[in-house]
Amino acid sequence: MINNISTGIDIVSINRIQEILNSSKRERFLKKVFSLNEINDAKSKENEAQFFSGRFAAKEAIRKATSTKEYSSELSFKSIEVFNYKSGKPGVNLKNYSNIDISISHDGNYAVAFCVLQ
């Protein structure tokens, strides 16, 4: 029997993120939501809007999965860092959580992320 599993899912319009990135809100958005490592990782990507959309969806999914935990309200977007292992699979750096599995996918104008927290 498996106990204490939480899940979260989120979907993001890539066009919505692209509009923010092309606006005067770009720097504020990036600084509020993403770590320096995530911002630097985006520089090597062909489609930064798709990259940031996936990361944003992942952070929202993680926040939803942790919403039943006692300190979840303290989670800011920047406290959640999404990275990629050498294999390409996404991983998560998040203080006080070690058992997080995340999956990110893109199709057309949407990015989706699913999180399982044990």
PDB file of N, CA and C in Angstrom:
ATOM      1  N   MET A   1       0.834  -1.179   0.000  1.00  0.00           N
ATOM      2  CA  MET A   1       0.000   0.000   0.000  1.00  0.00           C
ATOM      3  C   MET A   1       0.887   1.254   0.000  1.00  0.00           C
ATOM      4  N   ILE A   2       0.553   2.191  -0.837  1.00  0.00           N
ATOM      5  CA  ILE A   2       1.310   3.436  -0.929  1.00  0.00           C
ATOM      6  C   ILE A   2       0.542   4.535  -0.207  1.00  0.00           C
ATOM      7  N   ASN A   3       1.231   5.243   0.679  1.00  0.00           N
ATOM      8  CA  ASN A   3       0.591   6.307   1.445  1.00  0.00           C
ATOM      9  C   ASN A   3       1.167   7.661   1.076  1.00  0.00           C
ATOM     10  N   ASN A   4       0.391   8.693   1.350  1.00  0.00           N
ATOM     11  CA  ASN A   4       0.850  10.071   1.221  1.00  0.00           C
ATOM     12  C   ASN A   4       1.370  10.445  -0.160  1.00  0.00           C
ATOM     13  N   ILE A   5       0.669  10.081  -1.188  1.00  0.00           N
ATOM     14  CA  ILE A   5       1.036  10.514  -2.533  1.00  0.00           C
ATOM     15  C   ILE A   5       0.130  11.675  -2.905  1.00  0.00           C
ATOM     16  N   SER A   6       0.755  12.728  -3.413  1.00  0.00           N
ATOM     17  CA  SER A   6       0.014  13.891  -3.898  1.00  0.00           C
ATOM     18  C   SER A   6       0.364  14.110  -5.359  1.00  0.00           C
ATOM     19  N   THR A   7      -0.589  14.615  -6.110  1.00  0.00           N
ATOM     20  CA  THR A   7      -0.335  14.899  -7.527  1.00  0.00           C
ATOM     21  C   THR A   7      -0.732  16.336  -7.842  1.00  0.00           C
ATOM     22  N   GLY A   8      -0.171  16.842  -8.915  1.00  0.00           N
ATOM     23  CA  GLY A   8      -0.536  18.162  -9.418  1.00  0.00           C
ATOM     24  C   GLY A   8      -0.347  18.181 -10.920  1.00  0.00           C
ATOM     25  N   ILE A   9      -1.170  18.928 -11.614  1.00  0.00           N
ATOM     26  CA  ILE A   9      -1.065  19.047 -13.065  1.00  0.00           C
ATOM     27  C   ILE A   9      -1.365  20.493 -13.451  1.00  0.00           C
ATOM     28  N   ASP A  10      -0.730  20.961 -14.503  1.00  0.00           N
ATOM     29  CA  ASP A  10      -1.004  22.307 -14.988  1.00  0.00           C
ATOM     30  C   ASP A  10      -0.761  22.366 -16.489  1.00  0.00           C
ATOM     31  N   ILE A  11      -1.496  23.228 -17.149  1.00  0.00           N
ATOM     32  CA  ILE A  11      -1.347  23.456 -18.583  1.00  0.00           C
ATOM     33  C   ILE A  11      -1.202  24.957 -18.808  1.00  0.00           C
ATOM     34  N   VAL A  12      -0.325  25.333 -19.724  1.00  0.00           N
ATOM     35  CA  VAL A  12      -0.016  26.739 -19.979  1.00  0.00           C
ATOM     36  C   VAL A  12      -0.053  27.000 -21.481  1.00  0.00           C
ATOM     37  N   SER A  13      -0.625  28.118 -21.859  1.00  0.00           N
ATOM     38  CA  SER A  13      -0.599  28.558 -23.250  1.00  0.00           C
ATOM     39  C   SER A  13       0.776  29.154 -23.550  1.00  0.00           C
ATOM     40  N   ILE A  14       1.459  28.594 -24.516  1.00  0.00           N
ATOM     41  CA  ILE A  14       2.781  29.100 -24.893  1.00  0.00           C
ATOM     42  C   ILE A  14       2.656  30.520 -25.442  1.00  0.00           C
ATOM     43  N   ASN A  15       1.577  30.816 -26.159  1.00  0.00           N
ATOM     44  CA  ASN A  15       1.371  32.178 -26.673  1.00  0.00           C
ATOM     45  C   ASN A  15       1.271  33.198 -25.543  1.00  0.00           C
ATOM     46  N   ARG A  16       0.636  32.819 -24.445  1.00  0.00           N
ATOM     47  CA  ARG A  16       0.514  33.722 -23.297  1.00  0.00           C
ATOM     48  C   ARG A  16       1.892  34.063 -22.724  1.00  0.00           C
ATOM     49  N   ILE A  17       2.740  33.070 -22.604  1.00  0.00           N
ATOM     50  CA  ILE A  17       4.096  33.302 -22.088  1.00  0.00           C
ATOM     51  C   ILE A  17       4.902  34.115 -23.106  1.00  0.00           C
ATOM     52  N   GLN A  18       4.718  33.831 -24.386  1.00  0.00           N
ATOM     53  CA  GLN A  18       5.419  34.587 -25.429  1.00  0.00           C
ATOM     54  C   GLN A  18       5.054  36.068 -25.360  1.00  0.00           C
ATOM     55  N   GLU A  19       3.786  36.367 -25.132  1.00  0.00           N
ATOM     56  CA  GLU A  19       3.350  37.762 -25.003  1.00  0.00           C
ATOM     57  C   GLU A  19       4.042  38.452 -23.826  1.00  0.00           C
ATOM     58  N   ILE A  20       4.170  37.755 -22.712  1.00  0.00           N
ATOM     59  CA  ILE A  20       4.862  38.328 -21.554  1.00  0.00           C
ATOM     60  C   ILE A  20       6.333  38.561 -21.875  1.00  0.00           C
ATOM     61  N   LEU A  21       6.962  37.590 -22.526  1.00  0.00           N
ATOM     62  CA  LEU A  21       8.389  37.703 -22.854  1.00  0.00           C
ATOM     63  C   LEU A  21       8.663  38.838 -23.843  1.00  0.00           C
ATOM     64  N   ASN A  22       7.676  39.160 -24.657  1.00  0.00           N
ATOM     65  CA  ASN A  22       7.832  40.240 -25.645  1.00  0.00           C
ATOM     66  C   ASN A  22       7.387  41.595 -25.105  1.00  0.00           C
ATOM     67  N   SER A  23       6.991  41.647 -23.854  1.00  0.00           N
ATOM     68  CA  SER A  23       6.449  42.878 -23.285  1.00  0.00           C
ATOM     69  C   SER A  23       7.434  43.519 -22.305  1.00  0.00           C
ATOM     70  N   SER A  24       7.023  44.635 -21.778  1.00  0.00           N
ATOM     71  CA  SER A  24       7.837  45.323 -20.769  1.00  0.00           C
ATOM     72  C   SER A  24       7.833  44.568 -19.433  1.00  0.00           C
ATOM     73  N   LYS A  25       6.984  43.560 -19.294  1.00  0.00           N
ATOM     74  CA  LYS A  25       6.902  42.754 -18.066  1.00  0.00           C
ATOM     75  C   LYS A  25       7.924  41.620 -18.038  1.00  0.00           C
ATOM     76  N   ARG A  26       8.680  41.444 -19.115  1.00  0.00           N
ATOM     77  CA  ARG A  26       9.601  40.321 -19.266  1.00  0.00           C
ATOM     78  C   ARG A  26      10.536  40.156 -18.066  1.00  0.00           C
ATOM     79  N   GLU A  27      11.322  41.170 -17.758  1.00  0.00           N
ATOM     80  CA  GLU A  27      12.336  41.052 -16.704  1.00  0.00           C
ATOM     81  C   GLU A  27      11.711  40.793 -15.339  1.00  0.00           C
ATOM     82  N   ARG A  28      10.617  41.466 -15.044  1.00  0.00           N
ATOM     83  CA  ARG A  28       9.939  41.255 -13.766  1.00  0.00           C
ATOM     84  C   ARG A  28       9.417  39.820 -13.655  1.00  0.00           C
ATOM     85  N   PHE A  29       8.824  39.335 -14.735  1.00  0.00           N
ATOM     86  CA  PHE A  29       8.314  37.964 -14.784  1.00  0.00           C
ATOM     87  C   PHE A  29       9.446  36.958 -14.575  1.00  0.00           C
ATOM     88  N   LEU A  30      10.535  37.108 -15.314  1.00  0.00           N
ATOM     89  CA  LEU A  30      11.646  36.176 -15.204  1.00  0.00           C
ATOM     90  C   LEU A  30      12.238  36.183 -13.804  1.00  0.00           C
ATOM     91  N   LYS A  31      12.438  37.360 -13.232  1.00  0.00           N
ATOM     92  CA  LYS A  31      13.035  37.466 -11.892  1.00  0.00           C
ATOM     93  C   LYS A  31      12.121  36.918 -10.805  1.00  0.00           C
ATOM     94  N   LYS A  32      10.820  37.063 -10.981  1.00  0.00           N
ATOM     95  CA  LYS A  32       9.862  36.605  -9.967  1.00  0.00           C
ATOM     96  C   LYS A  32       9.662  35.087  -9.994  1.00  0.00           C
ATOM     97  N   VAL A  33       9.751  34.499 -11.186  1.00  0.00           N
ATOM     98  CA  VAL A  33       9.353  33.101 -11.349  1.00  0.00           C
ATOM     99  C   VAL A  33      10.528  32.128 -11.467  1.00  0.00           C
ATOM    100  N   PHE A  34      11.617  32.531 -12.104  1.00  0.00           N
ATOM    101  CA  PHE A  34      12.666  31.584 -12.470  1.00  0.00           C
ATOM    102  C   PHE A  34      13.993  31.856 -11.766  1.00  0.00           C
ATOM    103  N   SER A  35      14.730  30.787 -11.495  1.00  0.00           N
ATOM    104  CA  SER A  35      16.062  30.910 -10.912  1.00  0.00           C
ATOM    105  C   SER A  35      17.040  31.360 -11.994  1.00  0.00           C
ATOM    106  N   LEU A  36      18.189  31.807 -11.587  1.00  0.00           N
ATOM    107  CA  LEU A  36      19.231  32.198 -12.532  1.00  0.00           C
ATOM    108  C   LEU A  36      19.641  31.012 -13.403  1.00  0.00           C
ATOM    109  N   ASN A  37      19.704  29.830 -12.827  1.00  0.00           N
ATOM    110  CA  ASN A  37      20.026  28.629 -13.608  1.00  0.00           C
ATOM    111  C   ASN A  37      18.990  28.373 -14.693  1.00  0.00           C
ATOM    112  N   GLU A  38      17.710  28.534 -14.363  1.00  0.00           N
ATOM    113  CA  GLU A  38      16.651  28.313 -15.353  1.00  0.00           C
ATOM    114  C   GLU A  38      16.729  29.353 -16.468  1.00  0.00           C
ATOM    115  N   ILE A  39      16.976  30.591 -16.099  1.00  0.00           N
ATOM    116  CA  ILE A  39      17.092  31.656 -17.106  1.00  0.00           C
ATOM    117  C   ILE A  39      18.284  31.386 -18.020  1.00  0.00           C
ATOM    118  N   ASN A  40      19.395  30.954 -17.445  1.00  0.00           N
ATOM    119  CA  ASN A  40      20.569  30.624 -18.257  1.00  0.00           C
ATOM    120  C   ASN A  40      20.326  29.415 -19.149  1.00  0.00           C
ATOM    121  N   ASP A  41      19.603  28.413 -18.641  1.00  0.00           N
ATOM    122  CA  ASP A  41      19.276  27.234 -19.457  1.00  0.00           C
ATOM    123  C   ASP A  41      18.441  27.613 -20.672  1.00  0.00           C
ATOM    124  N   ALA A  42      17.585  28.600 -20.519  1.00  0.00           N
ATOM    125  CA  ALA A  42      16.711  29.014 -21.626  1.00  0.00           C
ATOM    126  C   ALA A  42      17.507  29.586 -22.795  1.00  0.00           C
ATOM    127  N   LYS A  43      18.675  30.144 -22.506  1.00  0.00           N
ATOM    128  CA  LYS A  43      19.493  30.770 -23.558  1.00  0.00           C
ATOM    129  C   LYS A  43      19.958  29.765 -24.597  1.00  0.00           C
ATOM    130  N   SER A  44      20.056  28.510 -24.222  1.00  0.00           N
ATOM    131  CA  SER A  44      20.508  27.486 -25.168  1.00  0.00           C
ATOM    132  C   SER A  44      19.346  26.824 -25.914  1.00  0.00           C
ATOM    133  N   LYS A  45      18.146  27.255 -25.651  1.00  0.00           N
ATOM    134  CA  LYS A  45      16.967  26.644 -26.267  1.00  0.00           C
ATOM    135  C   LYS A  45      16.536  27.420 -27.502  1.00  0.00           C
ATOM    136  N   GLU A  46      16.045  26.702 -28.482  1.00  0.00           N
ATOM    137  CA  GLU A  46      15.583  27.323 -29.719  1.00  0.00           C
ATOM    138  C   GLU A  46      14.309  28.140 -29.504  1.00  0.00           C
ATOM    139  N   ASN A  47      13.437  27.659 -28.618  1.00  0.00           N
ATOM    140  CA  ASN A  47      12.155  28.319 -28.392  1.00  0.00           C
ATOM    141  C   ASN A  47      12.015  28.632 -26.898  1.00  0.00           C
ATOM    142  N   GLU A  48      12.426  29.840 -26.507  1.00  0.00           N
ATOM    143  CA  GLU A  48      12.410  30.181 -25.081  1.00  0.00           C
ATOM    144  C   GLU A  48      11.000  30.233 -24.520  1.00  0.00           C
ATOM    145  N   ALA A  49      10.023  30.625 -25.304  1.00  0.00           N
ATOM    146  CA  ALA A  49       8.644  30.675 -24.807  1.00  0.00           C
ATOM    147  C   ALA A  49       8.155  29.270 -24.458  1.00  0.00           C
ATOM    148  N   GLN A  50       8.481  28.300 -25.292  1.00  0.00           N
ATOM    149  CA  GLN A  50       8.109  26.913 -25.018  1.00  0.00           C
ATOM    150  C   GLN A  50       8.823  26.410 -23.757  1.00  0.00           C
ATOM    151  N   PHE A  51      10.101  26.723 -23.635  1.00  0.00           N
ATOM    152  CA  PHE A  51      10.887  26.315 -22.470  1.00  0.00           C
ATOM    153  C   PHE A  51      10.305  26.905 -21.185  1.00  0.00           C
ATOM    154  N   PHE A  52      10.091  28.224 -21.163  1.00  0.00           N
ATOM    155  CA  PHE A  52       9.569  28.860 -19.959  1.00  0.00           C
ATOM    156  C   PHE A  52       8.135  28.415 -19.660  1.00  0.00           C
ATOM    157  N   SER A  53       7.353  28.129 -20.683  1.00  0.00           N
ATOM    158  CA  SER A  53       5.987  27.636 -20.476  1.00  0.00           C
ATOM    159  C   SER A  53       5.997  26.291 -19.768  1.00  0.00           C
ATOM    160  N   GLY A  54       6.876  25.408 -20.195  1.00  0.00           N
ATOM    161  CA  GLY A  54       6.992  24.102 -19.548  1.00  0.00           C
ATOM    162  C   GLY A  54       7.440  24.220 -18.106  1.00  0.00           C
ATOM    163  N   ARG A  55       8.402  25.087 -17.867  1.00  0.00           N
ATOM    164  CA  ARG A  55       8.898  25.295 -16.507  1.00  0.00           C
ATOM    165  C   ARG A  55       7.815  25.925 -15.621  1.00  0.00           C
ATOM    166  N   PHE A  56       7.073  26.882 -16.177  1.00  0.00           N
ATOM    167  CA  PHE A  56       6.005  27.515 -15.412  1.00  0.00           C
ATOM    168  C   PHE A  56       4.928  26.490 -15.054  1.00  0.00           C
ATOM    169  N   ALA A  57       4.533  25.663 -16.028  1.00  0.00           N
ATOM    170  CA  ALA A  57       3.538  24.615 -15.772  1.00  0.00           C
ATOM    171  C   ALA A  57       4.044  23.647 -14.704  1.00  0.00           C
ATOM    172  N   ALA A  58       5.333  23.323 -14.756  1.00  0.00           N
ATOM    173  CA  ALA A  58       5.913  22.411 -13.761  1.00  0.00           C
ATOM    174  C   ALA A  58       5.830  23.012 -12.360  1.00  0.00           C
ATOM    175  N   LYS A  59       6.164  24.288 -12.242  1.00  0.00           N
ATOM    176  CA  LYS A  59       6.122  24.949 -10.934  1.00  0.00           C
ATOM    177  C   LYS A  59       4.690  24.998 -10.391  1.00  0.00           C
ATOM    178  N   GLU A  60       3.737  25.260 -11.259  1.00  0.00           N
ATOM    179  CA  GLU A  60       2.332  25.268 -10.828  1.00  0.00           C
ATOM    180  C   GLU A  60       1.898  23.864 -10.396  1.00  0.00           C
ATOM    181  N   ALA A  61       2.293  22.841 -11.155  1.00  0.00           N
ATOM    182  CA  ALA A  61       1.932  21.464 -10.796  1.00  0.00           C
ATOM    183  C   ALA A  61       2.536  21.078  -9.449  1.00  0.00           C
ATOM    184  N   ILE A  62       3.776  21.502  -9.213  1.00  0.00           N
ATOM    185  CA  ILE A  62       4.439  21.213  -7.940  1.00  0.00           C
ATOM    186  C   ILE A  62       3.727  21.925  -6.793  1.00  0.00           C
ATOM    187  N   ARG A  63       3.362  23.171  -7.018  1.00  0.00           N
ATOM    188  CA  ARG A  63       2.636  23.902  -5.973  1.00  0.00           C
ATOM    189  C   ARG A  63       1.308  23.225  -5.646  1.00  0.00           C
ATOM    190  N   LYS A  64       0.632  22.699  -6.660  1.00  0.00           N
ATOM    191  CA  LYS A  64      -0.622  21.984  -6.429  1.00  0.00           C
ATOM    192  C   LYS A  64      -0.384  20.690  -5.670  1.00  0.00           C
ATOM    193  N   ALA A  65       0.662  19.954  -6.028  1.00  0.00           N
ATOM    194  CA  ALA A  65       0.958  18.688  -5.348  1.00  0.00           C
ATOM    195  C   ALA A  65       1.344  18.911  -3.892  1.00  0.00           C
ATOM    196  N   THR A  66       1.950  20.040  -3.590  1.00  0.00           N
ATOM    197  CA  THR A  66       2.370  20.323  -2.214  1.00  0.00           C
ATOM    198  C   THR A  66       1.308  21.074  -1.427  1.00  0.00           C
ATOM    199  N   SER A  67       0.171  21.351  -2.025  1.00  0.00           N
ATOM    200  CA  SER A  67      -0.844  22.189  -1.373  1.00  0.00           C
ATOM    201  C   SER A  67      -1.434  21.566  -0.116  1.00  0.00           C
ATOM    202  N   THR A  68      -1.283  20.273   0.048  1.00  0.00           N
ATOM    203  CA  THR A  68      -1.810  19.633   1.258  1.00  0.00           C
ATOM    204  C   THR A  68      -0.774  19.559   2.367  1.00  0.00           C
ATOM    205  N   LYS A  69       0.434  19.973   2.079  1.00  0.00           N
ATOM    206  CA  LYS A  69       1.501  19.932   3.081  1.00  0.00           C
ATOM    207  C   LYS A  69       1.459  21.189   3.928  1.00  0.00           C
ATOM    208  N   GLU A  70       1.949  21.116   5.145  1.00  0.00           N
ATOM    209  CA  GLU A  70       1.830  22.221   6.101  1.00  0.00           C
ATOM    210  C   GLU A  70       2.548  23.491   5.693  1.00  0.00           C
ATOM    211  N   TYR A  71       3.655  23.428   4.949  1.00  0.00           N
ATOM    212  CA  TYR A  71       4.365  24.642   4.591  1.00  0.00           C
ATOM    213  C   TYR A  71       4.250  24.986   3.117  1.00  0.00           C
ATOM    214  N   SER A  72       3.257  24.457   2.440  1.00  0.00           N
ATOM    215  CA  SER A  72       3.103  24.702   1.012  1.00  0.00           C
ATOM    216  C   SER A  72       2.828  26.164   0.695  1.00  0.00           C
ATOM    217  N   SER A  73       2.172  26.880   1.600  1.00  0.00           N
ATOM    218  CA  SER A  73       1.845  28.279   1.331  1.00  0.00           C
ATOM    219  C   SER A  73       3.097  29.146   1.254  1.00  0.00           C
ATOM    220  N   GLU A  74       4.213  28.630   1.765  1.00  0.00           N
ATOM    221  CA  GLU A  74       5.463  29.370   1.737  1.00  0.00           C
ATOM    222  C   GLU A  74       6.200  29.206   0.416  1.00  0.00           C
ATOM    223  N   LEU A  75       5.742  28.335  -0.460  1.00  0.00           N
ATOM    224  CA  LEU A  75       6.449  28.065  -1.704  1.00  0.00           C
ATOM    225  C   LEU A  75       6.264  29.192  -2.711  1.00  0.00           C
ATOM    226  N   SER A  76       7.345  29.850  -3.021  1.00  0.00           N
ATOM    227  CA  SER A  76       7.312  30.825  -4.109  1.00  0.00           C
ATOM    228  C   SER A  76       7.745  30.105  -5.376  1.00  0.00           C
ATOM    229  N   PHE A  77       7.464  30.699  -6.512  1.00  0.00           N
ATOM    230  CA  PHE A  77       7.893  30.099  -7.772  1.00  0.00           C
ATOM    231  C   PHE A  77       9.412  29.932  -7.796  1.00  0.00           C
ATOM    232  N   LYS A  78      10.127  30.938  -7.304  1.00  0.00           N
ATOM    233  CA  LYS A  78      11.591  30.880  -7.340  1.00  0.00           C
ATOM    234  C   LYS A  78      12.172  29.832  -6.395  1.00  0.00           C
ATOM    235  N   SER A  79      11.420  29.429  -5.385  1.00  0.00           N
ATOM    236  CA  SER A  79      11.930  28.404  -4.470  1.00  0.00           C
ATOM    237  C   SER A  79      11.914  27.019  -5.119  1.00  0.00           C
ATOM    238  N   ILE A  80      11.240  26.899  -6.244  1.00  0.00           N
ATOM    239  CA  ILE A  80      11.156  25.647  -6.990  1.00  0.00           C
ATOM    240  C   ILE A  80      12.055  25.792  -8.222  1.00  0.00           C
ATOM    241  N   GLU A  81      13.074  24.965  -8.313  1.00  0.00           N
ATOM    242  CA  GLU A  81      13.951  25.022  -9.479  1.00  0.00           C
ATOM    243  C   GLU A  81      13.821  23.727 -10.270  1.00  0.00           C
ATOM    244  N   VAL A  82      13.495  23.869 -11.553  1.00  0.00           N
ATOM    245  CA  VAL A  82      13.363  22.718 -12.439  1.00  0.00           C
ATOM    246  C   VAL A  82      14.617  22.657 -13.311  1.00  0.00           C
ATOM    247  N   PHE A  83      15.170  21.476 -13.428  1.00  0.00           N
ATOM    248  CA  PHE A  83      16.384  21.282 -14.222  1.00  0.00           C
ATOM    249  C   PHE A  83      16.220  20.013 -15.045  1.00  0.00           C
ATOM    250  N   ASN A  84      17.196  19.714 -15.861  1.00  0.00           N
ATOM    251  CA  ASN A  84      17.188  18.468 -16.620  1.00  0.00           C
ATOM    252  C   ASN A  84      18.403  17.630 -16.252  1.00  0.00           C
ATOM    253  N   TYR A  85      18.146  16.341 -16.036  1.00  0.00           N
ATOM    254  CA  TYR A  85      19.240  15.395 -15.884  1.00  0.00           C
ATOM    255  C   TYR A  85      19.919  15.236 -17.244  1.00  0.00           C
ATOM    256  N   LYS A  86      21.072  14.599 -17.267  1.00  0.00           N
ATOM    257  CA  LYS A  86      21.779  14.374 -18.535  1.00  0.00           C
ATOM    258  C   LYS A  86      20.924  13.605 -19.532  1.00  0.00           C
ATOM    259  N   SER A  87      20.050  12.771 -19.022  1.00  0.00           N
ATOM    260  CA  SER A  87      19.161  11.975 -19.877  1.00  0.00           C
ATOM    261  C   SER A  87      18.082  12.832 -20.546  1.00  0.00           C
ATOM    262  N   GLY A  88      17.890  14.052 -20.032  1.00  0.00           N
ATOM    263  CA  GLY A  88      16.841  14.933 -20.540  1.00  0.00           C
ATOM    264  C   GLY A  88      15.615  14.980 -19.649  1.00  0.00           C
ATOM    265  N   LYS A  89      15.473  13.991 -18.769  1.00  0.00           N
ATOM    266  CA  LYS A  89      14.319  13.966 -17.859  1.00  0.00           C
ATOM    267  C   LYS A  89      14.385  15.152 -16.904  1.00  0.00           C
ATOM    268  N   PRO A  90      13.266  15.833 -16.694  1.00  0.00           N
ATOM    269  CA  PRO A  90      13.274  16.952 -15.749  1.00  0.00           C
ATOM    270  C   PRO A  90      13.341  16.484 -14.300  1.00  0.00           C
ATOM    271  N   GLY A  91      14.004  17.290 -13.500  1.00  0.00           N
ATOM    272  CA  GLY A  91      14.098  17.045 -12.068  1.00  0.00           C
ATOM    273  C   GLY A  91      13.768  18.323 -11.321  1.00  0.00           C
ATOM    274  N   VAL A  92      13.687  18.233 -10.007  1.00  0.00           N
ATOM    275  CA  VAL A  92      13.274  19.375  -9.192  1.00  0.00           C
ATOM    276  C   VAL A  92      14.206  19.540  -8.002  1.00  0.00           C
ATOM    277  N   ASN A  93      14.639  20.768  -7.775  1.00  0.00           N
ATOM    278  CA  ASN A  93      15.324  21.144  -6.541  1.00  0.00           C
ATOM    279  C   ASN A  93      14.323  21.936  -5.716  1.00  0.00           C
ATOM    280  N   LEU A  94      14.002  21.405  -4.536  1.00  0.00           N
ATOM    281  CA  LEU A  94      13.056  22.070  -3.660  1.00  0.00           C
ATOM    282  C   LEU A  94      13.360  21.689  -2.222  1.00  0.00           C
ATOM    283  N   LYS A  95      13.675  22.686  -1.426  1.00  0.00           N
ATOM    284  CA  LYS A  95      14.015  22.468  -0.021  1.00  0.00           C
ATOM    285  C   LYS A  95      12.877  21.731   0.690  1.00  0.00           C
ATOM    286  N   ASN A  96      13.231  20.785   1.516  1.00  0.00           N
ATOM    287  CA  ASN A  96      12.309  19.986   2.326  1.00  0.00           C
ATOM    288  C   ASN A  96      11.552  18.914   1.545  1.00  0.00           C
ATOM    289  N   TYR A  97      11.803  18.794   0.253  1.00  0.00           N
ATOM    290  CA  TYR A  97      11.152  17.765  -0.560  1.00  0.00           C
ATOM    291  C   TYR A  97      12.219  17.022  -1.341  1.00  0.00           C
ATOM    292  N   SER A  98      12.242  15.707  -1.225  1.00  0.00           N
ATOM    293  CA  SER A  98      13.232  14.937  -1.972  1.00  0.00           C
ATOM    294  C   SER A  98      12.591  13.930  -2.915  1.00  0.00           C
ATOM    295  N   ASN A  99      11.331  13.656  -2.734  1.00  0.00           N
ATOM    296  CA  ASN A  99      10.672  12.626  -3.526  1.00  0.00           C
ATOM    297  C   ASN A  99       9.654  13.236  -4.488  1.00  0.00           C
ATOM    298  N   ILE A 100      10.146  14.031  -5.442  1.00  0.00           N
ATOM    299  CA  ILE A 100       9.271  14.680  -6.421  1.00  0.00           C
ATOM    300  C   ILE A 100       9.599  14.135  -7.797  1.00  0.00           C
ATOM    301  N   ASP A 101       8.574  13.722  -8.518  1.00  0.00           N
ATOM    302  CA  ASP A 101       8.746  13.302  -9.908  1.00  0.00           C
ATOM    303  C   ASP A 101       7.922  14.247 -10.765  1.00  0.00           C
ATOM    304  N   ILE A 102       8.536  14.746 -11.832  1.00  0.00           N
ATOM    305  CA  ILE A 102       7.861  15.717 -12.697  1.00  0.00           C
ATOM    306  C   ILE A 102       8.006  15.292 -14.156  1.00  0.00           C
ATOM    307  N   SER A 103       6.975  15.529 -14.927  1.00  0.00           N
ATOM    308  CA  SER A 103       7.022  15.282 -16.361  1.00  0.00           C
ATOM    309  C   SER A 103       6.474  16.528 -17.056  1.00  0.00           C
ATOM    310  N   ILE A 104       7.153  16.946 -18.130  1.00  0.00           N
ATOM    311  CA  ILE A 104       6.755  18.134 -18.889  1.00  0.00           C
ATOM    312  C   ILE A 104       6.595  17.725 -20.348  1.00  0.00           C
ATOM    313  N   SER A 105       5.547  18.220 -20.986  1.00  0.00           N
ATOM    314  CA  SER A 105       5.335  17.926 -22.395  1.00  0.00           C
ATOM    315  C   SER A 105       4.808  19.166 -23.103  1.00  0.00           C
ATOM    316  N   HIS A 106       5.081  19.245 -24.406  1.00  0.00           N
ATOM    317  CA  HIS A 106       4.624  20.368 -25.232  1.00  0.00           C
ATOM    318  C   HIS A 106       3.924  19.808 -26.464  1.00  0.00           C
ATOM    319  N   ASP A 107       2.852  20.473 -26.873  1.00  0.00           N
ATOM    320  CA  ASP A 107       2.183  20.117 -28.125  1.00  0.00           C
ATOM    321  C   ASP A 107       1.463  21.346 -28.634  1.00  0.00           C
ATOM    322  N   GLY A 108       1.758  21.717 -29.851  1.00  0.00           N
ATOM    323  CA  GLY A 108       1.112  22.896 -30.422  1.00  0.00           C
ATOM    324  C   GLY A 108       1.397  24.115 -29.574  1.00  0.00           C
ATOM    325  N   ASN A 109       0.347  24.777 -29.130  1.00  0.00           N
ATOM    326  CA  ASN A 109       0.470  26.008 -28.362  1.00  0.00           C
ATOM    327  C   ASN A 109       0.398  25.776 -26.849  1.00  0.00           C
ATOM    328  N   TYR A 110       0.590  24.540 -26.397  1.00  0.00           N
ATOM    329  CA  TYR A 110       0.421  24.263 -24.981  1.00  0.00           C
ATOM    330  C   TYR A 110       1.611  23.496 -24.403  1.00  0.00           C
ATOM    331  N   ALA A 111       1.873  23.790 -23.152  1.00  0.00           N
ATOM    332  CA  ALA A 111       2.828  23.035 -22.341  1.00  0.00           C
ATOM    333  C   ALA A 111       2.057  22.500 -21.150  1.00  0.00           C
ATOM    334  N   VAL A 112       2.342  21.261 -20.790  1.00  0.00           N
ATOM    335  CA  VAL A 112       1.658  20.640 -19.657  1.00  0.00           C
ATOM    336  C   VAL A 112       2.709  19.990 -18.773  1.00  0.00           C
ATOM    337  N   ALA A 113       2.441  19.979 -17.477  1.00  0.00           N
ATOM    338  CA  ALA A 113       3.335  19.310 -16.533  1.00  0.00           C
ATOM    339  C   ALA A 113       2.497  18.537 -15.529  1.00  0.00           C
ATOM    340  N   PHE A 114       3.045  17.396 -15.127  1.00  0.00           N
ATOM    341  CA  PHE A 114       2.397  16.539 -14.127  1.00  0.00           C
ATOM    342  C   PHE A 114       3.412  16.220 -13.056  1.00  0.00           C
ATOM    343  N   CYS A 115       3.000  16.332 -11.810  1.00  0.00           N
ATOM    344  CA  CYS A 115       3.887  16.127 -10.668  1.00  0.00           C
ATOM    345  C   CYS A 115       3.317  15.058  -9.744  1.00  0.00           C
ATOM    346  N   VAL A 116       4.203  14.183  -9.276  1.00  0.00           N
ATOM    347  CA  VAL A 116       3.861  13.201  -8.246  1.00  0.00           C
ATOM    348  C   VAL A 116       4.817  13.437  -7.092  1.00  0.00           C
ATOM    349  N   LEU A 117       4.264  13.586  -5.906  1.00  0.00           N
ATOM    350  CA  LEU A 117       5.028  13.844  -4.692  1.00  0.00           C
ATOM    351  C   LEU A 117       4.743  12.728  -3.701  1.00  0.00           C
ATOM    352  N   GLN A 118       5.804  12.116  -3.184  1.00  0.00           N
ATOM    353  CA  GLN A 118       5.624  11.028  -2.238  1.00  0.00           C
ATOM    354  C   GLN A 118       6.039  11.461  -0.861  1.00  0.00           C
TER     355      GLN A 118
END
